[in-house]
Amino acid sequence: MRRILGWTAIALVAATATAQTMRPRDVDALPSSPPALVAAYGSDPLQIGELRLPPGKGPFRVVEVIHGGCWTKGFATKQNTAALASALTRMGFATWNIEYRQIGDAGGGWPGSFRDWAAATDYLRVLAKTQPLRLDHVAAVGHSAGAHAALWIAARPRLPAASEIGSLDPLPIATAIAIDGPGELAPFVGSDADVCGKPVIAPLLGGTPAEQPERYRLASPVDSLPSPAHEYLVASAVLTTEAAEHYRTSAAAKGEAVTVLHVHDGGHFDIIAPGSAAWTGQVEPFLARALGSAP
């Protein structure tokens, strides 16, 4: 009964906030289940993650959850995706909701943010030694800038291991779900200032596409297609219909089928707010189909 009342409260909070279109702090304030474990995947205080486990003995399939925030310190933290992670845990998945260094943090940006995403992903191998986790079908779900991260994590096996953001033995990602964030960075230069209030892509990669073409190639999942993962896109406010369809067309040209959900009447943060109309009517069923039934 207590759990039912708790999730009813989430629905009420989300529904109230959505009337004005949810803001980051509204999503931060949504109730979330406490993590079973908070673990450090590196030595920096920001290199941490929250592991949530569903009821039962497991082992459980894992969904890595990655928050957005314009790749920039001060916009969002893992609290922004705590309610999303909790909702996925209620579906029967273990969730690993990660924090990472962003632009403005010491070591954030290029290549630190990418290395953090990679290290957090590979740390699941360490967690699986003591926690009831299955690593045979790991999924990555990201929102906004985290959507880019989720697609990039899935593409890691296709990157040169010797590159600045390459990995020798990346943990495979079976399913990548990008919620309202870009899979291609160069076309986002210019509109990033409209979305984030200031340029963020050039600061992230240390220059413009003309100045850092190799970094843009390595950092943009569209340039690593076809992805080793099954990819799903949620288009809403930041990932436009046109950009999502361009990514899908680019993937199809490489032999990959990408599934796209075009959200109607859903704000950028409403779509990750359990209990909101956009979440309940569109995003939650899409995620459930994409992730499949948890064993």
C-alpha atoms as a PDB file:
ATOM      1  CA  MET A   1       0.000   0.000   0.000  1.00  0.00           C
ATOM      2  CA  ARG A   2       2.823   2.427   0.851  1.00  0.00           C
ATOM      3  CA  ARG A   3       4.427   1.858  -2.571  1.00  0.00           C
ATOM      4  CA  ILE A   4       1.095   2.429  -4.338  1.00  0.00           C
ATOM      5  CA  LEU A   5       0.566   5.686  -2.476  1.00  0.00           C
ATOM      6  CA  GLY A   6       4.118   6.772  -3.287  1.00  0.00           C
ATOM      7  CA  TRP A   7       3.673   6.290  -7.021  1.00  0.00           C
ATOM      8  CA  THR A   8       0.267   7.931  -6.892  1.00  0.00           C
ATOM      9  CA  ALA A   9       2.050  10.959  -5.432  1.00  0.00           C
ATOM     10  CA  ILE A  10       4.466  10.935  -8.369  1.00  0.00           C
ATOM     11  CA  ALA A  11       1.560  11.007 -10.801  1.00  0.00           C
ATOM     12  CA  LEU A  12      -0.071  13.896  -8.973  1.00  0.00           C
ATOM     13  CA  VAL A  13       3.134  15.943  -8.796  1.00  0.00           C
ATOM     14  CA  ALA A  14       3.874  15.331 -12.485  1.00  0.00           C
ATOM     15  CA  ALA A  15       0.336  16.131 -13.590  1.00  0.00           C
ATOM     16  CA  THR A  16       0.344  19.407 -11.651  1.00  0.00           C
ATOM     17  CA  ALA A  17       3.687  20.538 -13.036  1.00  0.00           C
ATOM     18  CA  THR A  18       2.884  19.504 -16.598  1.00  0.00           C
ATOM     19  CA  ALA A  19       0.055  22.023 -16.778  1.00  0.00           C
ATOM     20  CA  GLN A  20       2.804  24.664 -17.031  1.00  0.00           C
ATOM     21  CA  THR A  21       5.220  22.331 -18.922  1.00  0.00           C
ATOM     22  CA  MET A  22       7.766  20.765 -16.634  1.00  0.00           C
ATOM     23  CA  ARG A  23      11.089  22.394 -15.847  1.00  0.00           C
ATOM     24  CA  PRO A  24      14.303  20.670 -14.754  1.00  0.00           C
ATOM     25  CA  ARG A  25      13.655  21.398 -11.087  1.00  0.00           C
ATOM     26  CA  ASP A  26      10.178  19.865 -11.382  1.00  0.00           C
ATOM     27  CA  VAL A  27      11.691  16.600 -12.569  1.00  0.00           C
ATOM     28  CA  ASP A  28      14.392  16.797  -9.882  1.00  0.00           C
ATOM     29  CA  ALA A  29      11.643  17.047  -7.260  1.00  0.00           C
ATOM     30  CA  LEU A  30       9.752  13.940  -8.399  1.00  0.00           C
ATOM     31  CA  PRO A  31       9.876  11.127  -5.828  1.00  0.00           C
ATOM     32  CA  SER A  32      12.296   8.339  -6.621  1.00  0.00           C
ATOM     33  CA  SER A  33      13.111   5.031  -5.024  1.00  0.00           C
ATOM     34  CA  PRO A  34      16.306   4.884  -2.949  1.00  0.00           C
ATOM     35  CA  PRO A  35      19.264   3.194  -4.637  1.00  0.00           C
ATOM     36  CA  ALA A  36      20.438  -0.149  -3.353  1.00  0.00           C
ATOM     37  CA  LEU A  37      24.014   1.016  -3.803  1.00  0.00           C
ATOM     38  CA  VAL A  38      25.921   4.197  -4.626  1.00  0.00           C
ATOM     39  CA  ALA A  39      29.281   3.294  -6.135  1.00  0.00           C
ATOM     40  CA  ALA A  40      32.316   5.149  -7.478  1.00  0.00           C
ATOM     41  CA  TYR A  41      33.507   4.104 -10.928  1.00  0.00           C
ATOM     42  CA  GLY A  42      36.511   6.458 -10.758  1.00  0.00           C
ATOM     43  CA  SER A  43      38.507   8.653  -8.385  1.00  0.00           C
ATOM     44  CA  ASP A  44      36.764  11.971  -9.121  1.00  0.00           C
ATOM     45  CA  PRO A  45      33.827  12.794  -6.798  1.00  0.00           C
ATOM     46  CA  LEU A  46      31.587  13.110  -9.860  1.00  0.00           C
ATOM     47  CA  GLN A  47      32.433   9.624 -11.103  1.00  0.00           C
ATOM     48  CA  ILE A  48      29.635   7.878  -9.238  1.00  0.00           C
ATOM     49  CA  GLY A  49      26.422   6.049 -10.019  1.00  0.00           C
ATOM     50  CA  GLU A  50      23.283   4.830  -8.315  1.00  0.00           C
ATOM     51  CA  LEU A  51      22.320   1.172  -8.665  1.00  0.00           C
ATOM     52  CA  ARG A  52      18.633   0.391  -8.175  1.00  0.00           C
ATOM     53  CA  LEU A  53      17.368  -3.180  -8.016  1.00  0.00           C
ATOM     54  CA  PRO A  54      13.839  -4.486  -8.494  1.00  0.00           C
ATOM     55  CA  PRO A  55      12.328  -6.921  -5.996  1.00  0.00           C
ATOM     56  CA  GLY A  56      13.458 -10.517  -6.232  1.00  0.00           C
ATOM     57  CA  LYS A  57      16.674 -12.475  -6.354  1.00  0.00           C
ATOM     58  CA  GLY A  58      17.688 -11.775  -9.942  1.00  0.00           C
ATOM     59  CA  PRO A  59      19.919 -11.743 -11.830  1.00  0.00           C
ATOM     60  CA  PHE A  60      18.406  -8.729 -13.558  1.00  0.00           C
ATOM     61  CA  ARG A  61      18.972  -7.138 -16.927  1.00  0.00           C
ATOM     62  CA  VAL A  62      20.588  -3.716 -16.611  1.00  0.00           C
ATOM     63  CA  VAL A  63      19.630  -0.316 -17.994  1.00  0.00           C
ATOM     64  CA  GLU A  64      22.263   2.407 -17.753  1.00  0.00           C
ATOM     65  CA  VAL A  65      20.572   5.805 -17.349  1.00  0.00           C
ATOM     66  CA  ILE A  66      22.318   9.026 -18.406  1.00  0.00           C
ATOM     67  CA  HIS A  67      21.058  12.504 -17.570  1.00  0.00           C
ATOM     68  CA  GLY A  68      21.269  15.510 -19.861  1.00  0.00           C
ATOM     69  CA  GLY A  69      21.987  19.148 -19.136  1.00  0.00           C
ATOM     70  CA  CYS A  70      23.624  20.598 -22.258  1.00  0.00           C
ATOM     71  CA  TRP A  71      26.847  18.704 -21.452  1.00  0.00           C
ATOM     72  CA  THR A  72      27.473  21.621 -19.063  1.00  0.00           C
ATOM     73  CA  LYS A  73      27.874  21.967 -15.292  1.00  0.00           C
ATOM     74  CA  GLY A  74      24.932  23.618 -13.578  1.00  0.00           C
ATOM     75  CA  PHE A  75      22.134  22.410 -15.862  1.00  0.00           C
ATOM     76  CA  ALA A  76      21.406  18.905 -14.547  1.00  0.00           C
ATOM     77  CA  THR A  77      22.719  16.057 -12.428  1.00  0.00           C
ATOM     78  CA  LYS A  78      21.767  12.423 -11.958  1.00  0.00           C
ATOM     79  CA  GLN A  79      18.872  13.642  -9.802  1.00  0.00           C
ATOM     80  CA  ASN A  80      17.205  14.713 -13.053  1.00  0.00           C
ATOM     81  CA  THR A  81      16.909  11.075 -14.129  1.00  0.00           C
ATOM     82  CA  ALA A  82      16.325   9.507 -10.693  1.00  0.00           C
ATOM     83  CA  ALA A  83      12.554   9.253 -11.256  1.00  0.00           C
ATOM     84  CA  LEU A  84      13.140   7.828 -14.750  1.00  0.00           C
ATOM     85  CA  ALA A  85      15.553   5.247 -13.318  1.00  0.00           C
ATOM     86  CA  SER A  86      13.043   4.372 -10.621  1.00  0.00           C
ATOM     87  CA  ALA A  87      10.301   3.863 -13.198  1.00  0.00           C
ATOM     88  CA  LEU A  88      12.533   1.537 -15.231  1.00  0.00           C
ATOM     89  CA  THR A  89      13.368  -0.392 -12.060  1.00  0.00           C
ATOM     90  CA  ARG A  90       9.633  -0.826 -11.490  1.00  0.00           C
ATOM     91  CA  MET A  91       9.497  -2.442 -14.934  1.00  0.00           C
ATOM     92  CA  GLY A  92      11.835  -5.123 -13.609  1.00  0.00           C
ATOM     93  CA  PHE A  93      15.257  -3.815 -14.633  1.00  0.00           C
ATOM     94  CA  ALA A  94      18.283  -2.999 -12.547  1.00  0.00           C
ATOM     95  CA  THR A  95      19.240   0.603 -13.304  1.00  0.00           C
ATOM     96  CA  TRP A  96      22.632   2.298 -13.125  1.00  0.00           C
ATOM     97  CA  ASN A  97      21.966   6.067 -13.022  1.00  0.00           C
ATOM     98  CA  ILE A  98      25.322   7.765 -13.543  1.00  0.00           C
ATOM     99  CA  GLU A  99      26.918  11.097 -12.795  1.00  0.00           C
ATOM    100  CA  TYR A 100      29.815  12.363 -14.927  1.00  0.00           C
ATOM    101  CA  ARG A 101      32.065  15.368 -15.461  1.00  0.00           C
ATOM    102  CA  GLN A 102      30.656  18.059 -17.732  1.00  0.00           C
ATOM    103  CA  ILE A 103      31.931  21.287 -19.307  1.00  0.00           C
ATOM    104  CA  GLY A 104      32.955  23.485 -16.390  1.00  0.00           C
ATOM    105  CA  ASP A 105      33.987  20.562 -14.191  1.00  0.00           C
ATOM    106  CA  ALA A 106      37.680  19.810 -13.842  1.00  0.00           C
ATOM    107  CA  GLY A 107      38.439  17.251 -16.533  1.00  0.00           C
ATOM    108  CA  GLY A 108      35.027  17.595 -18.204  1.00  0.00           C
ATOM    109  CA  GLY A 109      34.376  18.149 -21.893  1.00  0.00           C
ATOM    110  CA  TRP A 110      36.797  16.548 -24.357  1.00  0.00           C
ATOM    111  CA  PRO A 111      37.847  13.858 -23.704  1.00  0.00           C
ATOM    112  CA  GLY A 112      36.822  13.558 -20.033  1.00  0.00           C
ATOM    113  CA  SER A 113      33.034  13.411 -20.402  1.00  0.00           C
ATOM    114  CA  PHE A 114      33.321  10.647 -22.993  1.00  0.00           C
ATOM    115  CA  ARG A 115      35.813   8.718 -20.886  1.00  0.00           C
ATOM    116  CA  ASP A 116      33.448   8.980 -17.912  1.00  0.00           C
ATOM    117  CA  TRP A 117      30.549   7.551 -19.931  1.00  0.00           C
ATOM    118  CA  ALA A 118      32.815   4.707 -21.018  1.00  0.00           C
ATOM    119  CA  ALA A 119      34.218   4.027 -17.545  1.00  0.00           C
ATOM    120  CA  ALA A 120      30.768   4.067 -15.943  1.00  0.00           C
ATOM    121  CA  THR A 121      29.532   1.569 -18.517  1.00  0.00           C
ATOM    122  CA  ASP A 122      32.459  -0.801 -18.108  1.00  0.00           C
ATOM    123  CA  TYR A 123      32.176  -0.588 -14.304  1.00  0.00           C
ATOM    124  CA  LEU A 124      29.045  -2.712 -14.591  1.00  0.00           C
ATOM    125  CA  ARG A 125      31.449  -5.638 -14.900  1.00  0.00           C
ATOM    126  CA  VAL A 126      32.753  -4.824 -11.421  1.00  0.00           C
ATOM    127  CA  LEU A 127      29.259  -4.399  -9.986  1.00  0.00           C
ATOM    128  CA  ALA A 128      28.178  -7.735 -11.459  1.00  0.00           C
ATOM    129  CA  LYS A 129      30.733  -9.503  -9.267  1.00  0.00           C
ATOM    130  CA  THR A 130      28.739  -8.687  -6.138  1.00  0.00           C
ATOM    131  CA  GLN A 131      25.293  -7.632  -7.405  1.00  0.00           C
ATOM    132  CA  PRO A 132      22.582  -9.736  -9.142  1.00  0.00           C
ATOM    133  CA  LEU A 133      23.158  -8.331 -12.625  1.00  0.00           C
ATOM    134  CA  ARG A 134      23.014  -9.864 -16.084  1.00  0.00           C
ATOM    135  CA  LEU A 135      25.324  -8.273 -18.616  1.00  0.00           C
ATOM    136  CA  ASP A 136      24.222 -10.236 -21.686  1.00  0.00           C
ATOM    137  CA  HIS A 137      21.693  -7.604 -22.786  1.00  0.00           C
ATOM    138  CA  VAL A 138      22.637  -4.220 -21.305  1.00  0.00           C
ATOM    139  CA  ALA A 139      20.620  -1.194 -22.426  1.00  0.00           C
ATOM    140  CA  ALA A 140      21.486   2.510 -22.327  1.00  0.00           C
ATOM    141  CA  VAL A 141      18.763   5.144 -21.937  1.00  0.00           C
ATOM    142  CA  GLY A 142      19.698   8.826 -22.066  1.00  0.00           C
ATOM    143  CA  HIS A 143      17.826  12.106 -22.072  1.00  0.00           C
ATOM    144  CA  SER A 144      18.879  15.254 -23.955  1.00  0.00           C
ATOM    145  CA  ALA A 145      22.710  15.410 -23.857  1.00  0.00           C
ATOM    146  CA  GLY A 146      22.462  11.985 -22.226  1.00  0.00           C
ATOM    147  CA  ALA A 147      20.643  10.756 -25.339  1.00  0.00           C
ATOM    148  CA  HIS A 148      23.772  11.560 -27.332  1.00  0.00           C
ATOM    149  CA  ALA A 149      25.793   9.732 -24.668  1.00  0.00           C
ATOM    150  CA  ALA A 150      23.593   6.623 -24.883  1.00  0.00           C
ATOM    151  CA  LEU A 151      24.016   6.386 -28.654  1.00  0.00           C
ATOM    152  CA  TRP A 152      27.747   7.052 -28.318  1.00  0.00           C
ATOM    153  CA  ILE A 153      28.192   4.341 -25.669  1.00  0.00           C
ATOM    154  CA  ALA A 154      26.478   1.877 -27.977  1.00  0.00           C
ATOM    155  CA  ALA A 155      28.775   2.902 -30.857  1.00  0.00           C
ATOM    156  CA  ARG A 156      32.021   2.484 -28.866  1.00  0.00           C
ATOM    157  CA  PRO A 157      32.933  -0.916 -30.335  1.00  0.00           C
ATOM    158  CA  ARG A 158      33.141   0.757 -33.757  1.00  0.00           C
ATOM    159  CA  LEU A 159      35.584   3.452 -32.622  1.00  0.00           C
ATOM    160  CA  PRO A 160      39.353   3.027 -33.033  1.00  0.00           C
ATOM    161  CA  ALA A 161      40.647   1.690 -29.709  1.00  0.00           C
ATOM    162  CA  ALA A 162      43.740   3.901 -29.990  1.00  0.00           C
ATOM    163  CA  SER A 163      41.736   7.124 -30.339  1.00  0.00           C
ATOM    164  CA  GLU A 164      41.408   9.587 -27.448  1.00  0.00           C
ATOM    165  CA  ILE A 165      37.974   8.250 -26.578  1.00  0.00           C
ATOM    166  CA  GLY A 166      38.436   4.661 -27.743  1.00  0.00           C
ATOM    167  CA  SER A 167      38.255   1.558 -25.551  1.00  0.00           C
ATOM    168  CA  LEU A 168      40.131  -1.720 -25.749  1.00  0.00           C
ATOM    169  CA  ASP A 169      37.293  -3.927 -24.494  1.00  0.00           C
ATOM    170  CA  PRO A 170      34.024  -1.951 -24.310  1.00  0.00           C
ATOM    171  CA  LEU A 171      31.060  -3.554 -22.605  1.00  0.00           C
ATOM    172  CA  PRO A 172      28.557  -4.257 -25.403  1.00  0.00           C
ATOM    173  CA  ILE A 173      25.260  -2.365 -25.399  1.00  0.00           C
ATOM    174  CA  ALA A 174      22.363  -4.296 -26.886  1.00  0.00           C
ATOM    175  CA  THR A 175      19.745  -1.530 -26.902  1.00  0.00           C
ATOM    176  CA  ALA A 176      20.233   2.242 -26.979  1.00  0.00           C
ATOM    177  CA  ILE A 177      17.333   4.632 -26.430  1.00  0.00           C
ATOM    178  CA  ALA A 178      17.916   8.328 -27.089  1.00  0.00           C
ATOM    179  CA  ILE A 179      15.220  10.548 -25.577  1.00  0.00           C
ATOM    180  CA  ASP A 180      15.117  13.974 -27.219  1.00  0.00           C
ATOM    181  CA  GLY A 181      18.809  14.475 -27.836  1.00  0.00           C
ATOM    182  CA  PRO A 182      21.058  14.582 -30.920  1.00  0.00           C
ATOM    183  CA  GLY A 183      22.895  11.738 -32.560  1.00  0.00           C
ATOM    184  CA  GLU A 184      24.875  14.108 -34.758  1.00  0.00           C
ATOM    185  CA  LEU A 185      26.749  17.067 -33.286  1.00  0.00           C
ATOM    186  CA  ALA A 186      27.938  19.243 -36.181  1.00  0.00           C
ATOM    187  CA  PRO A 187      24.404  20.195 -37.359  1.00  0.00           C
ATOM    188  CA  PHE A 188      23.535  21.069 -33.757  1.00  0.00           C
ATOM    189  CA  VAL A 189      26.122  23.883 -33.702  1.00  0.00           C
ATOM    190  CA  GLY A 190      24.168  27.141 -33.774  1.00  0.00           C
ATOM    191  CA  SER A 191      20.877  25.744 -32.535  1.00  0.00           C
ATOM    192  CA  ASP A 192      22.688  24.602 -29.375  1.00  0.00           C
ATOM    193  CA  ALA A 193      22.749  28.238 -28.239  1.00  0.00           C
ATOM    194  CA  ASP A 194      18.989  28.484 -28.735  1.00  0.00           C
ATOM    195  CA  VAL A 195      18.380  25.315 -26.711  1.00  0.00           C
ATOM    196  CA  CYS A 196      20.974  25.845 -23.976  1.00  0.00           C
ATOM    197  CA  GLY A 197      21.226  29.638 -23.847  1.00  0.00           C
ATOM    198  CA  LYS A 198      24.843  29.558 -25.008  1.00  0.00           C
ATOM    199  CA  PRO A 199      27.057  27.545 -27.355  1.00  0.00           C
ATOM    200  CA  VAL A 200      27.915  24.135 -25.896  1.00  0.00           C
ATOM    201  CA  ILE A 201      29.028  21.858 -28.734  1.00  0.00           C
ATOM    202  CA  ALA A 202      32.200  23.767 -29.649  1.00  0.00           C
ATOM    203  CA  PRO A 203      33.176  24.014 -25.946  1.00  0.00           C
ATOM    204  CA  LEU A 204      32.479  20.283 -25.565  1.00  0.00           C
ATOM    205  CA  LEU A 205      34.735  19.312 -28.468  1.00  0.00           C
ATOM    206  CA  GLY A 206      37.277  22.109 -28.215  1.00  0.00           C
ATOM    207  CA  GLY A 207      36.414  23.855 -31.464  1.00  0.00           C
ATOM    208  CA  THR A 208      34.125  24.058 -34.468  1.00  0.00           C
ATOM    209  CA  PRO A 209      33.611  21.222 -36.954  1.00  0.00           C
ATOM    210  CA  ALA A 210      36.146  22.896 -39.253  1.00  0.00           C
ATOM    211  CA  GLU A 211      38.697  23.149 -36.432  1.00  0.00           C
ATOM    212  CA  GLN A 212      38.179  19.657 -34.945  1.00  0.00           C
ATOM    213  CA  PRO A 213      36.767  17.403 -37.691  1.00  0.00           C
ATOM    214  CA  GLU A 214      38.183  14.192 -36.216  1.00  0.00           C
ATOM    215  CA  ARG A 215      36.681  14.881 -32.794  1.00  0.00           C
ATOM    216  CA  TYR A 216      33.268  15.492 -34.330  1.00  0.00           C
ATOM    217  CA  ARG A 217      33.553  12.253 -36.271  1.00  0.00           C
ATOM    218  CA  LEU A 218      34.478  10.226 -33.190  1.00  0.00           C
ATOM    219  CA  ALA A 219      31.889  11.944 -30.991  1.00  0.00           C
ATOM    220  CA  SER A 220      28.901  11.731 -33.354  1.00  0.00           C
ATOM    221  CA  PRO A 221      27.121   8.350 -33.308  1.00  0.00           C
ATOM    222  CA  VAL A 222      25.773   8.953 -36.820  1.00  0.00           C
ATOM    223  CA  ASP A 223      29.343   8.618 -38.106  1.00  0.00           C
ATOM    224  CA  SER A 224      29.686   5.155 -36.534  1.00  0.00           C
ATOM    225  CA  LEU A 225      26.576   3.666 -38.122  1.00  0.00           C
ATOM    226  CA  PRO A 226      25.530   0.939 -38.280  1.00  0.00           C
ATOM    227  CA  SER A 227      25.454   0.686 -34.518  1.00  0.00           C
ATOM    228  CA  PRO A 228      26.078  -2.659 -32.810  1.00  0.00           C
ATOM    229  CA  ALA A 229      22.923  -1.937 -30.755  1.00  0.00           C
ATOM    230  CA  HIS A 230      19.241  -1.786 -31.564  1.00  0.00           C
ATOM    231  CA  GLU A 231      18.541   1.954 -31.561  1.00  0.00           C
ATOM    232  CA  TYR A 232      15.395   3.840 -30.637  1.00  0.00           C
ATOM    233  CA  LEU A 233      14.857   7.605 -30.807  1.00  0.00           C
ATOM    234  CA  VAL A 234      12.281   9.781 -29.047  1.00  0.00           C
ATOM    235  CA  ALA A 235      11.799  13.052 -30.939  1.00  0.00           C
ATOM    236  CA  SER A 236      10.162  15.975 -29.178  1.00  0.00           C
ATOM    237  CA  ALA A 237      11.581  19.457 -28.530  1.00  0.00           C
ATOM    238  CA  VAL A 238      15.371  19.128 -28.936  1.00  0.00           C
ATOM    239  CA  LEU A 239      15.559  16.163 -31.290  1.00  0.00           C
ATOM    240  CA  THR A 240      13.332  17.482 -34.050  1.00  0.00           C
ATOM    241  CA  THR A 241      11.306  15.341 -36.408  1.00  0.00           C
ATOM    242  CA  GLU A 242      13.678  16.292 -39.230  1.00  0.00           C
ATOM    243  CA  ALA A 243      16.819  15.407 -37.272  1.00  0.00           C
ATOM    244  CA  ALA A 244      15.359  12.097 -36.094  1.00  0.00           C
ATOM    245  CA  GLU A 245      14.333  11.134 -39.620  1.00  0.00           C
ATOM    246  CA  HIS A 246      17.756  12.115 -40.964  1.00  0.00           C
ATOM    247  CA  TYR A 247      19.375   9.796 -38.406  1.00  0.00           C
ATOM    248  CA  ARG A 248      16.962   6.997 -39.300  1.00  0.00           C
ATOM    249  CA  THR A 249      17.620   7.484 -43.026  1.00  0.00           C
ATOM    250  CA  SER A 250      21.388   7.523 -42.434  1.00  0.00           C
ATOM    251  CA  ALA A 251      21.108   4.284 -40.473  1.00  0.00           C
ATOM    252  CA  ALA A 252      18.937   2.658 -43.134  1.00  0.00           C
ATOM    253  CA  ALA A 253      21.554   3.485 -45.754  1.00  0.00           C
ATOM    254  CA  LYS A 254      24.005   1.427 -43.660  1.00  0.00           C
ATOM    255  CA  GLY A 255      21.597  -1.454 -43.203  1.00  0.00           C
ATOM    256  CA  GLU A 256      20.314  -0.566 -39.726  1.00  0.00           C
ATOM    257  CA  ALA A 257      16.649  -0.150 -38.826  1.00  0.00           C
ATOM    258  CA  VAL A 258      16.138   2.619 -36.239  1.00  0.00           C
ATOM    259  CA  THR A 259      12.749   3.030 -34.579  1.00  0.00           C
ATOM    260  CA  VAL A 260      11.512   6.580 -33.928  1.00  0.00           C
ATOM    261  CA  LEU A 261       8.746   7.821 -31.655  1.00  0.00           C
ATOM    262  CA  HIS A 262       7.500  11.298 -32.491  1.00  0.00           C
ATOM    263  CA  VAL A 263       5.985  12.641 -29.270  1.00  0.00           C
ATOM    264  CA  HIS A 264       2.971  14.882 -29.656  1.00  0.00           C
ATOM    265  CA  ASP A 265       2.152  17.518 -27.037  1.00  0.00           C
ATOM    266  CA  GLY A 266       5.065  16.589 -24.799  1.00  0.00           C
ATOM    267  CA  GLY A 267       7.647  19.016 -23.412  1.00  0.00           C
ATOM    268  CA  HIS A 268      11.352  18.244 -23.160  1.00  0.00           C
ATOM    269  CA  PHE A 269      11.110  17.311 -19.477  1.00  0.00           C
ATOM    270  CA  ASP A 270       7.536  16.005 -19.427  1.00  0.00           C
ATOM    271  CA  ILE A 271       8.695  13.026 -21.466  1.00  0.00           C
ATOM    272  CA  ILE A 272      10.945  11.757 -18.641  1.00  0.00           C
ATOM    273  CA  ALA A 273       8.466  12.527 -15.853  1.00  0.00           C
ATOM    274  CA  PRO A 274       6.609   9.388 -14.733  1.00  0.00           C
ATOM    275  CA  GLY A 275       2.954  10.252 -14.330  1.00  0.00           C
ATOM    276  CA  SER A 276       2.864  13.008 -16.944  1.00  0.00           C
ATOM    277  CA  ALA A 277       0.510  12.593 -19.884  1.00  0.00           C
ATOM    278  CA  ALA A 278       3.394  12.380 -22.371  1.00  0.00           C
ATOM    279  CA  TRP A 279       5.135   9.729 -20.283  1.00  0.00           C
ATOM    280  CA  THR A 280       2.081   7.586 -19.598  1.00  0.00           C
ATOM    281  CA  GLY A 281       0.515   7.799 -23.033  1.00  0.00           C
ATOM    282  CA  GLN A 282       3.564   7.679 -25.278  1.00  0.00           C
ATOM    283  CA  VAL A 283       7.042   7.320 -23.805  1.00  0.00           C
ATOM    284  CA  GLU A 284       6.509   4.601 -21.194  1.00  0.00           C
ATOM    285  CA  PRO A 285       4.876   2.157 -23.650  1.00  0.00           C
ATOM    286  CA  PHE A 286       7.609   2.904 -26.201  1.00  0.00           C
ATOM    287  CA  LEU A 287      10.347   2.153 -23.659  1.00  0.00           C
ATOM    288  CA  ALA A 288       8.600  -1.023 -22.571  1.00  0.00           C
ATOM    289  CA  ARG A 289       8.484  -2.254 -26.169  1.00  0.00           C
ATOM    290  CA  ALA A 290      12.069  -1.233 -26.835  1.00  0.00           C
ATOM    291  CA  LEU A 291      13.460  -2.885 -23.740  1.00  0.00           C
ATOM    292  CA  GLY A 292      11.263  -5.973 -23.980  1.00  0.00           C
ATOM    293  CA  SER A 293       9.947  -8.023 -21.111  1.00  0.00           C
ATOM    294  CA  ALA A 294      12.302  -8.324 -18.162  1.00  0.00           C
ATOM    295  CA  PRO A 295      12.835 -11.985 -17.242  1.00  0.00           C
END
